[in-house]
Amino acid sequence: MDNITPETLYQELCKTVIGQEEYIKALSNAAWMHYLRYQHYKNTGEAISTPKQNILCIGPSGTGKTIAVEQLGKLLDLPVIIENASMLRGEGWKGRNVSSIITRCIDSAPDRNEEEAVHSIVVLDEIDKVFQSRRDDSSFLPVDNLLTFIAGSIVTHSDNNRNCRMDTSNLLIVCLGAFAGLEDIIRERLAGKTSIGFSAERPTELPEGSLLPYVTDEDLHTYGISYEFLGRISLVTHTNPLSLNDYSRILSESDASPVYQYDKLLYQTTEVHVDITDEAVACMARQAMDSNEGARMLARKVTDMLQPQLYTAADDT
């Protein structure tokens, strides 16, 4: 992608991710600064590791948190490593260790080039599960190792006779999670205190809709995130619950539309077009609104509806 700026990244990401303008703008700003450091390193060999970019995005499942970062990696031509944080374990405990992420960065880089690997984009998905579990048993959880990893340090990993070492200071780290129950914490605070957010003014009554825009560090700490972890996060943002119109636009406008993806595959290989009526769009959008799956449900519904036609598509060409 040429002429990379926050605005051009935002415009490109909005072709895929619908209804999440605030998150996309925050992600575009962070990615642009990350890209500036990457280009400076490629041109001069000098690393500029500060300001460190660690983002925390909270929001319902299926609202575009992960796909936005995946698309960002394609735009910047940088490796994107998506790690399920809830599966990580502390060093010395059985399971996947935080340090193993560096091997995935190296393996995902072109020709395993470590210069590319140290500028990877790392997604710590379902990060909320780590802090939920911490309330019950912190013995095997990776919180302390995650603190070191996201702060930027030399991380080493040994596994199956392979020894890896990498500086995580130049990684763009994006922590994602649904944070179920966080809105209850925010609601309780808003109902009884005078402070309601990073810079927002106090409403005369509890706002309608999502309360995530009003989240504070104190709310996140009450949820279970330590101040040490929050101190390593440079930006907290959120995604919004999708509206009926958002679901319709995902089906009819987004580059990630399952209809568009099937159409692209089948037309380029068999010259068979896939299309969808306005009535079907409206019906699927309503079904998605009534589900807990978010936009993920749309792909499943489109796939299910296409099954009879897919079975005979090859014979019709």
C-alpha atoms as a PDB file:
ATOM      1  CA  MET A   1       0.000   0.000   0.000  1.00  0.00           C
ATOM      2  CA  ASP A   2       1.381   3.398  -1.013  1.00  0.00           C
ATOM      3  CA  ASN A   3       0.976   6.715   0.809  1.00  0.00           C
ATOM      4  CA  ILE A   4       0.416   5.240   4.262  1.00  0.00           C
ATOM      5  CA  THR A   5      -1.134   7.737   6.673  1.00  0.00           C
ATOM      6  CA  PRO A   6      -3.645   7.299   9.499  1.00  0.00           C
ATOM      7  CA  GLU A   7      -6.350   8.592   7.149  1.00  0.00           C
ATOM      8  CA  THR A   8      -5.537   6.192   4.300  1.00  0.00           C
ATOM      9  CA  LEU A   9      -5.368   3.257   6.717  1.00  0.00           C
ATOM     10  CA  TYR A  10      -8.709   4.298   8.206  1.00  0.00           C
ATOM     11  CA  GLN A  11     -10.322   4.544   4.774  1.00  0.00           C
ATOM     12  CA  GLU A  12      -9.064   1.108   3.779  1.00  0.00           C
ATOM     13  CA  LEU A  13     -10.072  -0.583   7.035  1.00  0.00           C
ATOM     14  CA  CYS A  14     -13.576   0.917   6.811  1.00  0.00           C
ATOM     15  CA  LYS A  15     -14.061  -1.036   3.589  1.00  0.00           C
ATOM     16  CA  THR A  16     -13.962  -4.200   5.711  1.00  0.00           C
ATOM     17  CA  VAL A  17     -14.978  -3.245   9.253  1.00  0.00           C
ATOM     18  CA  ILE A  18     -18.410  -1.667   9.616  1.00  0.00           C
ATOM     19  CA  GLY A  19     -19.672   0.514  12.460  1.00  0.00           C
ATOM     20  CA  GLN A  20     -16.431   0.806  14.450  1.00  0.00           C
ATOM     21  CA  GLU A  21     -15.060   4.195  13.477  1.00  0.00           C
ATOM     22  CA  GLU A  22     -13.496   5.061  16.858  1.00  0.00           C
ATOM     23  CA  TYR A  23     -11.645   1.752  17.109  1.00  0.00           C
ATOM     24  CA  ILE A  24     -10.468   1.972  13.506  1.00  0.00           C
ATOM     25  CA  LYS A  25      -9.133   5.498  13.994  1.00  0.00           C
ATOM     26  CA  ALA A  26      -7.238   4.476  17.135  1.00  0.00           C
ATOM     27  CA  LEU A  27      -5.843   1.419  15.398  1.00  0.00           C
ATOM     28  CA  SER A  28      -4.852   3.453  12.332  1.00  0.00           C
ATOM     29  CA  ASN A  29      -2.962   5.999  14.441  1.00  0.00           C
ATOM     30  CA  ALA A  30      -1.055   3.309  16.321  1.00  0.00           C
ATOM     31  CA  ALA A  31      -0.309   1.373  13.147  1.00  0.00           C
ATOM     32  CA  TRP A  32       0.990   4.471  11.392  1.00  0.00           C
ATOM     33  CA  MET A  33       3.451   5.222  14.199  1.00  0.00           C
ATOM     34  CA  HIS A  34       4.475   1.563  14.224  1.00  0.00           C
ATOM     35  CA  TYR A  35       5.055   1.732  10.475  1.00  0.00           C
ATOM     36  CA  LEU A  36       7.159   4.899  10.844  1.00  0.00           C
ATOM     37  CA  ARG A  37       9.461   3.097  13.274  1.00  0.00           C
ATOM     38  CA  TYR A  38       9.637   0.083  10.973  1.00  0.00           C
ATOM     39  CA  GLN A  39      10.561   2.187   7.951  1.00  0.00           C
ATOM     40  CA  HIS A  40      13.144   4.141   9.952  1.00  0.00           C
ATOM     41  CA  TYR A  41      14.765   0.889  11.055  1.00  0.00           C
ATOM     42  CA  LYS A  42      14.833  -0.445   7.487  1.00  0.00           C
ATOM     43  CA  ASN A  43      16.360   2.772   6.160  1.00  0.00           C
ATOM     44  CA  THR A  44      18.899   3.477   8.902  1.00  0.00           C
ATOM     45  CA  GLY A  45      19.318   0.345  11.015  1.00  0.00           C
ATOM     46  CA  GLU A  46      18.433   2.439  14.055  1.00  0.00           C
ATOM     47  CA  ALA A  47      15.626   1.216  16.299  1.00  0.00           C
ATOM     48  CA  ILE A  48      13.162   3.694  17.809  1.00  0.00           C
ATOM     49  CA  SER A  49      11.246   1.673  20.353  1.00  0.00           C
ATOM     50  CA  THR A  50       9.357   4.515  22.047  1.00  0.00           C
ATOM     51  CA  PRO A  51       6.632   5.493  22.431  1.00  0.00           C
ATOM     52  CA  LYS A  52       5.632   1.847  22.864  1.00  0.00           C
ATOM     53  CA  GLN A  53       2.332   1.016  21.202  1.00  0.00           C
ATOM     54  CA  ASN A  54       0.178  -1.361  23.272  1.00  0.00           C
ATOM     55  CA  ILE A  55      -3.563  -1.123  22.641  1.00  0.00           C
ATOM     56  CA  LEU A  56      -6.424  -2.607  24.635  1.00  0.00           C
ATOM     57  CA  CYS A  57      -9.747  -2.911  22.804  1.00  0.00           C
ATOM     58  CA  ILE A  58     -12.839  -4.019  24.665  1.00  0.00           C
ATOM     59  CA  GLY A  59     -16.082  -4.935  22.952  1.00  0.00           C
ATOM     60  CA  PRO A  60     -18.617  -7.655  22.178  1.00  0.00           C
ATOM     61  CA  SER A  61     -17.618 -10.721  20.197  1.00  0.00           C
ATOM     62  CA  GLY A  62     -18.151 -10.559  16.458  1.00  0.00           C
ATOM     63  CA  THR A  63     -17.829  -6.774  16.159  1.00  0.00           C
ATOM     64  CA  GLY A  64     -14.671  -6.690  14.033  1.00  0.00           C
ATOM     65  CA  LYS A  65     -11.877  -6.413  16.611  1.00  0.00           C
ATOM     66  CA  THR A  66      -9.706  -9.178  15.161  1.00  0.00           C
ATOM     67  CA  ILE A  67     -10.460  -8.821  11.464  1.00  0.00           C
ATOM     68  CA  ALA A  68      -9.434  -5.166  11.617  1.00  0.00           C
ATOM     69  CA  VAL A  69      -5.936  -6.130  12.796  1.00  0.00           C
ATOM     70  CA  GLU A  70      -5.695  -8.923  10.231  1.00  0.00           C
ATOM     71  CA  GLN A  71      -6.528  -6.463   7.471  1.00  0.00           C
ATOM     72  CA  LEU A  72      -4.056  -3.978   8.898  1.00  0.00           C
ATOM     73  CA  GLY A  73      -1.259  -6.530   8.551  1.00  0.00           C
ATOM     74  CA  LYS A  74      -2.095  -6.958   4.875  1.00  0.00           C
ATOM     75  CA  LEU A  75      -2.080  -3.200   4.295  1.00  0.00           C
ATOM     76  CA  LEU A  76       1.302  -2.751   5.982  1.00  0.00           C
ATOM     77  CA  ASP A  77       2.706  -6.043   4.686  1.00  0.00           C
ATOM     78  CA  LEU A  78       3.686  -7.062   8.206  1.00  0.00           C
ATOM     79  CA  PRO A  79       3.219 -10.409   9.979  1.00  0.00           C
ATOM     80  CA  VAL A  80       0.169 -10.643  12.249  1.00  0.00           C
ATOM     81  CA  ILE A  81       0.342 -13.227  15.029  1.00  0.00           C
ATOM     82  CA  ILE A  82      -2.954 -13.968  16.765  1.00  0.00           C
ATOM     83  CA  GLU A  83      -2.543 -15.676  20.121  1.00  0.00           C
ATOM     84  CA  ASN A  84      -5.393 -16.887  22.302  1.00  0.00           C
ATOM     85  CA  ALA A  85      -4.256 -15.394  25.599  1.00  0.00           C
ATOM     86  CA  SER A  86      -6.601 -17.620  27.591  1.00  0.00           C
ATOM     87  CA  MET A  87      -4.517 -20.632  26.512  1.00  0.00           C
ATOM     88  CA  LEU A  88      -1.220 -19.186  27.726  1.00  0.00           C
ATOM     89  CA  ARG A  89       0.412 -20.362  30.933  1.00  0.00           C
ATOM     90  CA  GLY A  90       3.137 -18.934  33.120  1.00  0.00           C
ATOM     91  CA  GLU A  91       6.732 -20.011  32.519  1.00  0.00           C
ATOM     92  CA  GLY A  92       7.413 -23.387  34.073  1.00  0.00           C
ATOM     93  CA  TRP A  93       3.803 -24.582  33.845  1.00  0.00           C
ATOM     94  CA  LYS A  94       2.550 -27.115  31.340  1.00  0.00           C
ATOM     95  CA  GLY A  95       1.042 -25.543  28.226  1.00  0.00           C
ATOM     96  CA  ARG A  96       1.863 -22.658  25.907  1.00  0.00           C
ATOM     97  CA  ASN A  97       4.184 -20.098  27.440  1.00  0.00           C
ATOM     98  CA  VAL A  98       4.151 -16.402  26.634  1.00  0.00           C
ATOM     99  CA  SER A  99       7.717 -16.677  25.354  1.00  0.00           C
ATOM    100  CA  SER A 100       6.560 -19.066  22.606  1.00  0.00           C
ATOM    101  CA  ILE A 101       4.976 -16.076  20.831  1.00  0.00           C
ATOM    102  CA  ILE A 102       8.400 -14.968  19.645  1.00  0.00           C
ATOM    103  CA  THR A 103       8.833 -18.233  17.719  1.00  0.00           C
ATOM    104  CA  ARG A 104       5.573 -17.539  15.905  1.00  0.00           C
ATOM    105  CA  CYS A 105       6.783 -14.023  15.077  1.00  0.00           C
ATOM    106  CA  ILE A 106       9.994 -15.398  13.601  1.00  0.00           C
ATOM    107  CA  ASP A 107       8.254 -18.208  11.719  1.00  0.00           C
ATOM    108  CA  SER A 108       5.671 -15.805  10.265  1.00  0.00           C
ATOM    109  CA  ALA A 109       8.232 -13.308   8.984  1.00  0.00           C
ATOM    110  CA  PRO A 110       9.350 -13.561   5.338  1.00  0.00           C
ATOM    111  CA  ASP A 111      12.265 -16.017   5.170  1.00  0.00           C
ATOM    112  CA  ARG A 112      12.194 -15.980   8.981  1.00  0.00           C
ATOM    113  CA  ASN A 113      13.863 -12.592   8.813  1.00  0.00           C
ATOM    114  CA  GLU A 114      14.320 -11.399  12.388  1.00  0.00           C
ATOM    115  CA  GLU A 115      14.316  -7.747  11.282  1.00  0.00           C
ATOM    116  CA  GLU A 116      10.774  -8.307  10.038  1.00  0.00           C
ATOM    117  CA  ALA A 117       9.829 -10.424  13.042  1.00  0.00           C
ATOM    118  CA  VAL A 118      10.653  -7.767  15.638  1.00  0.00           C
ATOM    119  CA  HIS A 119       8.190  -5.410  13.922  1.00  0.00           C
ATOM    120  CA  SER A 120       5.330  -7.901  13.868  1.00  0.00           C
ATOM    121  CA  ILE A 121       1.805  -7.129  15.026  1.00  0.00           C
ATOM    122  CA  VAL A 122       0.815  -9.379  17.933  1.00  0.00           C
ATOM    123  CA  VAL A 123      -2.823  -9.849  18.885  1.00  0.00           C
ATOM    124  CA  LEU A 124      -3.492 -11.159  22.395  1.00  0.00           C
ATOM    125  CA  ASP A 125      -7.078 -12.300  21.892  1.00  0.00           C
ATOM    126  CA  GLU A 126      -9.460 -13.108  24.753  1.00  0.00           C
ATOM    127  CA  ILE A 127      -7.164 -11.255  27.151  1.00  0.00           C
ATOM    128  CA  ASP A 128     -10.148 -10.773  29.460  1.00  0.00           C
ATOM    129  CA  LYS A 129     -10.186 -14.504  30.232  1.00  0.00           C
ATOM    130  CA  VAL A 130      -6.745 -14.189  31.815  1.00  0.00           C
ATOM    131  CA  PHE A 131      -7.963 -11.632  34.325  1.00  0.00           C
ATOM    132  CA  GLN A 132     -11.251 -13.415  34.987  1.00  0.00           C
ATOM    133  CA  SER A 133      -9.369 -16.602  35.867  1.00  0.00           C
ATOM    134  CA  ARG A 134      -6.925 -14.661  38.009  1.00  0.00           C
ATOM    135  CA  ARG A 135      -9.663 -14.040  40.556  1.00  0.00           C
ATOM    136  CA  ASP A 136      -9.793 -17.753  41.292  1.00  0.00           C
ATOM    137  CA  ASP A 137      -6.276 -19.129  40.781  1.00  0.00           C
ATOM    138  CA  SER A 138      -3.241 -17.159  39.670  1.00  0.00           C
ATOM    139  CA  SER A 139      -0.679 -19.921  40.172  1.00  0.00           C
ATOM    140  CA  PHE A 140      -0.288 -20.944  36.530  1.00  0.00           C
ATOM    141  CA  LEU A 141      -1.473 -17.784  34.785  1.00  0.00           C
ATOM    142  CA  PRO A 142       0.853 -15.786  32.531  1.00  0.00           C
ATOM    143  CA  VAL A 143       0.167 -12.300  33.931  1.00  0.00           C
ATOM    144  CA  ASP A 144       3.721 -11.605  35.115  1.00  0.00           C
ATOM    145  CA  ASN A 145       5.182 -12.923  31.859  1.00  0.00           C
ATOM    146  CA  LEU A 146       2.716 -10.834  29.843  1.00  0.00           C
ATOM    147  CA  LEU A 147       3.819  -7.743  31.768  1.00  0.00           C
ATOM    148  CA  THR A 148       7.405  -8.322  30.670  1.00  0.00           C
ATOM    149  CA  PHE A 149       6.385  -9.184  27.116  1.00  0.00           C
ATOM    150  CA  ILE A 150       4.229  -6.121  26.432  1.00  0.00           C
ATOM    151  CA  ALA A 151       6.565  -3.718  28.240  1.00  0.00           C
ATOM    152  CA  GLY A 152       9.337  -4.518  25.766  1.00  0.00           C
ATOM    153  CA  SER A 153      12.262  -6.699  26.770  1.00  0.00           C
ATOM    154  CA  ILE A 154      14.584  -9.440  25.581  1.00  0.00           C
ATOM    155  CA  VAL A 155      12.519 -12.644  25.598  1.00  0.00           C
ATOM    156  CA  THR A 156      14.037 -16.083  25.183  1.00  0.00           C
ATOM    157  CA  HIS A 157      12.296 -19.350  24.401  1.00  0.00           C
ATOM    158  CA  SER A 158      13.570 -22.925  24.239  1.00  0.00           C
ATOM    159  CA  ASP A 159      11.511 -25.769  22.828  1.00  0.00           C
ATOM    160  CA  ASN A 160      12.345 -29.002  20.986  1.00  0.00           C
ATOM    161  CA  ASN A 161      16.066 -28.203  20.742  1.00  0.00           C
ATOM    162  CA  ARG A 162      15.279 -24.754  19.366  1.00  0.00           C
ATOM    163  CA  ASN A 163      16.467 -21.633  21.134  1.00  0.00           C
ATOM    164  CA  CYS A 164      15.026 -18.240  20.178  1.00  0.00           C
ATOM    165  CA  ARG A 165      15.746 -14.752  21.433  1.00  0.00           C
ATOM    166  CA  MET A 166      13.963 -11.554  20.469  1.00  0.00           C
ATOM    167  CA  ASP A 167      13.453  -7.999  21.677  1.00  0.00           C
ATOM    168  CA  THR A 168       9.707  -7.298  21.995  1.00  0.00           C
ATOM    169  CA  SER A 169      10.171  -3.525  22.279  1.00  0.00           C
ATOM    170  CA  ASN A 170       9.260  -2.938  18.631  1.00  0.00           C
ATOM    171  CA  LEU A 171       6.153  -5.116  18.475  1.00  0.00           C
ATOM    172  CA  LEU A 172       2.744  -3.529  17.989  1.00  0.00           C
ATOM    173  CA  ILE A 173       0.665  -5.367  20.592  1.00  0.00           C
ATOM    174  CA  VAL A 174      -3.143  -5.314  20.455  1.00  0.00           C
ATOM    175  CA  CYS A 175      -5.034  -6.856  23.382  1.00  0.00           C
ATOM    176  CA  LEU A 176      -8.637  -7.826  22.626  1.00  0.00           C
ATOM    177  CA  GLY A 177     -11.482  -9.080  24.763  1.00  0.00           C
ATOM    178  CA  ALA A 178     -15.244  -9.035  25.221  1.00  0.00           C
ATOM    179  CA  PHE A 179     -14.941  -8.278  28.959  1.00  0.00           C
ATOM    180  CA  ALA A 180     -18.356  -9.648  29.865  1.00  0.00           C
ATOM    181  CA  GLY A 181     -19.611  -7.992  33.034  1.00  0.00           C
ATOM    182  CA  LEU A 182     -17.512  -4.845  32.649  1.00  0.00           C
ATOM    183  CA  GLU A 183     -20.554  -2.742  31.775  1.00  0.00           C
ATOM    184  CA  ASP A 184     -22.132  -3.711  35.110  1.00  0.00           C
ATOM    185  CA  ILE A 185     -19.071  -2.324  36.880  1.00  0.00           C
ATOM    186  CA  ILE A 186     -19.274   0.898  34.852  1.00  0.00           C
ATOM    187  CA  ARG A 187     -23.017   1.194  35.488  1.00  0.00           C
ATOM    188  CA  GLU A 188     -22.565   0.801  39.230  1.00  0.00           C
ATOM    189  CA  ARG A 189     -19.915   3.532  39.280  1.00  0.00           C
ATOM    190  CA  LEU A 190     -21.948   5.916  37.120  1.00  0.00           C
ATOM    191  CA  ALA A 191     -24.954   5.488  39.355  1.00  0.00           C
ATOM    192  CA  GLY A 192     -23.072   6.509  42.458  1.00  0.00           C
ATOM    193  CA  LYS A 193     -20.053   8.623  41.570  1.00  0.00           C
ATOM    194  CA  THR A 194     -19.376  11.881  39.779  1.00  0.00           C
ATOM    195  CA  SER A 195     -16.533  10.788  37.486  1.00  0.00           C
ATOM    196  CA  ILE A 196     -17.439   8.863  34.347  1.00  0.00           C
ATOM    197  CA  GLY A 197     -14.557   8.465  31.988  1.00  0.00           C
ATOM    198  CA  PHE A 198     -11.302   9.614  30.559  1.00  0.00           C
ATOM    199  CA  SER A 199     -12.563  12.978  29.267  1.00  0.00           C
ATOM    200  CA  ALA A 200     -16.337  12.772  28.992  1.00  0.00           C
ATOM    201  CA  GLU A 201     -18.718  15.087  30.836  1.00  0.00           C
ATOM    202  CA  ARG A 202     -21.077  13.754  33.456  1.00  0.00           C
ATOM    203  CA  PRO A 203     -24.522  12.991  31.963  1.00  0.00           C
ATOM    204  CA  THR A 204     -27.670  13.998  33.792  1.00  0.00           C
ATOM    205  CA  GLU A 205     -28.711  10.335  33.746  1.00  0.00           C
ATOM    206  CA  LEU A 206     -27.226   6.997  32.761  1.00  0.00           C
ATOM    207  CA  PRO A 207     -26.591   7.003  29.018  1.00  0.00           C
ATOM    208  CA  GLU A 208     -28.483   4.620  26.789  1.00  0.00           C
ATOM    209  CA  GLY A 209     -26.722   1.912  24.845  1.00  0.00           C
ATOM    210  CA  SER A 210     -23.195   0.688  25.450  1.00  0.00           C
ATOM    211  CA  LEU A 211     -21.386   2.041  28.502  1.00  0.00           C
ATOM    212  CA  LEU A 212     -17.931   1.034  27.239  1.00  0.00           C
ATOM    213  CA  PRO A 213     -17.107   4.594  26.076  1.00  0.00           C
ATOM    214  CA  TYR A 214     -17.167   5.623  29.763  1.00  0.00           C
ATOM    215  CA  VAL A 215     -14.703   3.005  31.028  1.00  0.00           C
ATOM    216  CA  THR A 216     -11.905   4.109  33.367  1.00  0.00           C
ATOM    217  CA  ASP A 217      -8.751   2.470  34.647  1.00  0.00           C
ATOM    218  CA  GLU A 218     -10.531   1.965  37.963  1.00  0.00           C
ATOM    219  CA  ASP A 219     -13.306  -0.003  36.232  1.00  0.00           C
ATOM    220  CA  LEU A 220     -10.747  -2.225  34.512  1.00  0.00           C
ATOM    221  CA  HIS A 221      -8.897  -2.706  37.795  1.00  0.00           C
ATOM    222  CA  THR A 222     -12.142  -3.699  39.503  1.00  0.00           C
ATOM    223  CA  TYR A 223     -12.658  -6.200  36.688  1.00  0.00           C
ATOM    224  CA  GLY A 224      -9.330  -7.787  37.557  1.00  0.00           C
ATOM    225  CA  ILE A 225      -6.592  -6.032  35.561  1.00  0.00           C
ATOM    226  CA  SER A 226      -3.643  -4.946  37.677  1.00  0.00           C
ATOM    227  CA  TYR A 227      -2.464  -1.352  37.594  1.00  0.00           C
ATOM    228  CA  GLU A 228       0.931  -2.698  36.501  1.00  0.00           C
ATOM    229  CA  PHE A 229      -0.661  -4.117  33.352  1.00  0.00           C
ATOM    230  CA  LEU A 230      -2.757  -1.024  32.713  1.00  0.00           C
ATOM    231  CA  GLY A 231       0.372   1.089  33.062  1.00  0.00           C
ATOM    232  CA  ARG A 232       1.804  -0.695  30.036  1.00  0.00           C
ATOM    233  CA  ILE A 233      -1.245   0.023  27.866  1.00  0.00           C
ATOM    234  CA  SER A 234      -0.860   3.193  25.831  1.00  0.00           C
ATOM    235  CA  LEU A 235      -4.469   3.380  24.653  1.00  0.00           C
ATOM    236  CA  VAL A 236      -7.822   1.897  25.676  1.00  0.00           C
ATOM    237  CA  THR A 237     -10.517   1.836  22.997  1.00  0.00           C
ATOM    238  CA  HIS A 238     -13.706  -0.103  22.315  1.00  0.00           C
ATOM    239  CA  THR A 239     -16.015  -1.497  19.675  1.00  0.00           C
ATOM    240  CA  ASN A 240     -19.739  -0.869  19.589  1.00  0.00           C
ATOM    241  CA  PRO A 241     -22.553  -3.410  19.472  1.00  0.00           C
ATOM    242  CA  LEU A 242     -23.620  -3.783  15.850  1.00  0.00           C
ATOM    243  CA  SER A 243     -26.940  -2.277  14.771  1.00  0.00           C
ATOM    244  CA  LEU A 244     -29.427  -3.733  12.306  1.00  0.00           C
ATOM    245  CA  ASN A 245     -28.093  -1.377   9.651  1.00  0.00           C
ATOM    246  CA  ASP A 246     -24.511  -2.443  10.440  1.00  0.00           C
ATOM    247  CA  TYR A 247     -25.362  -6.097   9.828  1.00  0.00           C
ATOM    248  CA  SER A 248     -27.028  -5.185   6.554  1.00  0.00           C
ATOM    249  CA  ARG A 249     -23.995  -3.202   5.453  1.00  0.00           C
ATOM    250  CA  ILE A 250     -21.650  -6.054   6.374  1.00  0.00           C
ATOM    251  CA  LEU A 251     -23.575  -8.310   3.997  1.00  0.00           C
ATOM    252  CA  SER A 252     -23.965  -5.816   1.167  1.00  0.00           C
ATOM    253  CA  GLU A 253     -20.967  -3.448   1.404  1.00  0.00           C
ATOM    254  CA  SER A 254     -18.076  -4.900   3.404  1.00  0.00           C
ATOM    255  CA  ASP A 255     -15.088  -6.503   1.669  1.00  0.00           C
ATOM    256  CA  ALA A 256     -15.443  -9.167   4.353  1.00  0.00           C
ATOM    257  CA  SER A 257     -19.017  -9.968   3.356  1.00  0.00           C
ATOM    258  CA  PRO A 258     -19.425 -13.758   3.046  1.00  0.00           C
ATOM    259  CA  VAL A 259     -21.535 -13.111  -0.062  1.00  0.00           C
ATOM    260  CA  TYR A 260     -18.690 -11.151  -1.666  1.00  0.00           C
ATOM    261  CA  GLN A 261     -16.144 -13.798  -0.682  1.00  0.00           C
ATOM    262  CA  TYR A 262     -18.175 -16.640  -2.205  1.00  0.00           C
ATOM    263  CA  ASP A 263     -18.794 -14.573  -5.304  1.00  0.00           C
ATOM    264  CA  LYS A 264     -15.096 -13.838  -5.731  1.00  0.00           C
ATOM    265  CA  LEU A 265     -14.087 -17.478  -5.328  1.00  0.00           C
ATOM    266  CA  LEU A 266     -16.735 -18.966  -7.586  1.00  0.00           C
ATOM    267  CA  TYR A 267     -16.648 -16.307 -10.300  1.00  0.00           C
ATOM    268  CA  GLN A 268     -12.876 -16.365 -10.640  1.00  0.00           C
ATOM    269  CA  THR A 269     -12.798 -20.163 -10.808  1.00  0.00           C
ATOM    270  CA  THR A 270     -16.102 -21.187 -12.430  1.00  0.00           C
ATOM    271  CA  GLU A 271     -17.628 -17.870 -13.643  1.00  0.00           C
ATOM    272  CA  VAL A 272     -20.606 -18.436 -11.331  1.00  0.00           C
ATOM    273  CA  HIS A 273     -21.860 -15.292  -9.579  1.00  0.00           C
ATOM    274  CA  VAL A 274     -23.249 -15.226  -6.023  1.00  0.00           C
ATOM    275  CA  ASP A 275     -25.690 -12.467  -5.100  1.00  0.00           C
ATOM    276  CA  ILE A 276     -28.196 -11.748  -2.346  1.00  0.00           C
ATOM    277  CA  THR A 277     -31.581 -10.023  -2.379  1.00  0.00           C
ATOM    278  CA  ASP A 278     -32.484  -7.069  -0.191  1.00  0.00           C
ATOM    279  CA  GLU A 279     -35.089  -9.242   1.529  1.00  0.00           C
ATOM    280  CA  ALA A 280     -32.492 -11.876   2.410  1.00  0.00           C
ATOM    281  CA  VAL A 281     -30.122  -9.189   3.709  1.00  0.00           C
ATOM    282  CA  ALA A 282     -32.849  -7.815   5.983  1.00  0.00           C
ATOM    283  CA  CYS A 283     -33.782 -11.289   7.238  1.00  0.00           C
ATOM    284  CA  MET A 284     -30.195 -12.294   8.043  1.00  0.00           C
ATOM    285  CA  ALA A 285     -29.498  -8.945   9.701  1.00  0.00           C
ATOM    286  CA  ARG A 286     -32.465  -9.463  12.034  1.00  0.00           C
ATOM    287  CA  GLN A 287     -31.297 -12.991  12.872  1.00  0.00           C
ATOM    288  CA  ALA A 288     -27.805 -11.724  13.657  1.00  0.00           C
ATOM    289  CA  MET A 289     -29.250  -9.010  15.917  1.00  0.00           C
ATOM    290  CA  ASP A 290     -31.081 -11.672  17.899  1.00  0.00           C
ATOM    291  CA  SER A 291     -27.983 -13.853  18.326  1.00  0.00           C
ATOM    292  CA  ASN A 292     -24.942 -13.611  20.571  1.00  0.00           C
ATOM    293  CA  GLU A 293     -22.512 -14.359  17.759  1.00  0.00           C
ATOM    294  CA  GLY A 294     -22.260 -10.946  16.157  1.00  0.00           C
ATOM    295  CA  ALA A 295     -21.162 -10.783  12.530  1.00  0.00           C
ATOM    296  CA  ARG A 296     -19.794 -14.335  12.687  1.00  0.00           C
ATOM    297  CA  MET A 297     -23.343 -15.614  12.373  1.00  0.00           C
ATOM    298  CA  LEU A 298     -23.669 -14.061   8.917  1.00  0.00           C
ATOM    299  CA  ALA A 299     -20.960 -16.287   7.422  1.00  0.00           C
ATOM    300  CA  ARG A 300     -22.621 -19.383   8.846  1.00  0.00           C
ATOM    301  CA  LYS A 301     -26.071 -18.399   7.546  1.00  0.00           C
ATOM    302  CA  VAL A 302     -24.772 -17.591   4.058  1.00  0.00           C
ATOM    303  CA  THR A 303     -22.870 -20.872   3.898  1.00  0.00           C
ATOM    304  CA  ASP A 304     -25.936 -22.798   5.034  1.00  0.00           C
ATOM    305  CA  MET A 305     -28.200 -21.147   2.457  1.00  0.00           C
ATOM    306  CA  LEU A 306     -25.746 -21.785  -0.375  1.00  0.00           C
ATOM    307  CA  GLN A 307     -25.382 -25.510   0.240  1.00  0.00           C
ATOM    308  CA  PRO A 308     -27.939 -26.717  -2.380  1.00  0.00           C
ATOM    309  CA  GLN A 309     -26.565 -24.334  -5.018  1.00  0.00           C
ATOM    310  CA  LEU A 310     -22.933 -25.197  -4.260  1.00  0.00           C
ATOM    311  CA  TYR A 311     -23.698 -28.878  -4.713  1.00  0.00           C
ATOM    312  CA  THR A 312     -24.826 -28.347  -8.309  1.00  0.00           C
ATOM    313  CA  ALA A 313     -22.734 -25.285  -9.231  1.00  0.00           C
ATOM    314  CA  ALA A 314     -20.018 -27.297 -10.980  1.00  0.00           C
ATOM    315  CA  ASP A 315     -22.579 -29.033 -13.211  1.00  0.00           C
ATOM    316  CA  ASP A 316     -24.057 -25.688 -14.270  1.00  0.00           C
ATOM    317  CA  THR A 317     -20.814 -24.268 -15.650  1.00  0.00           C
END
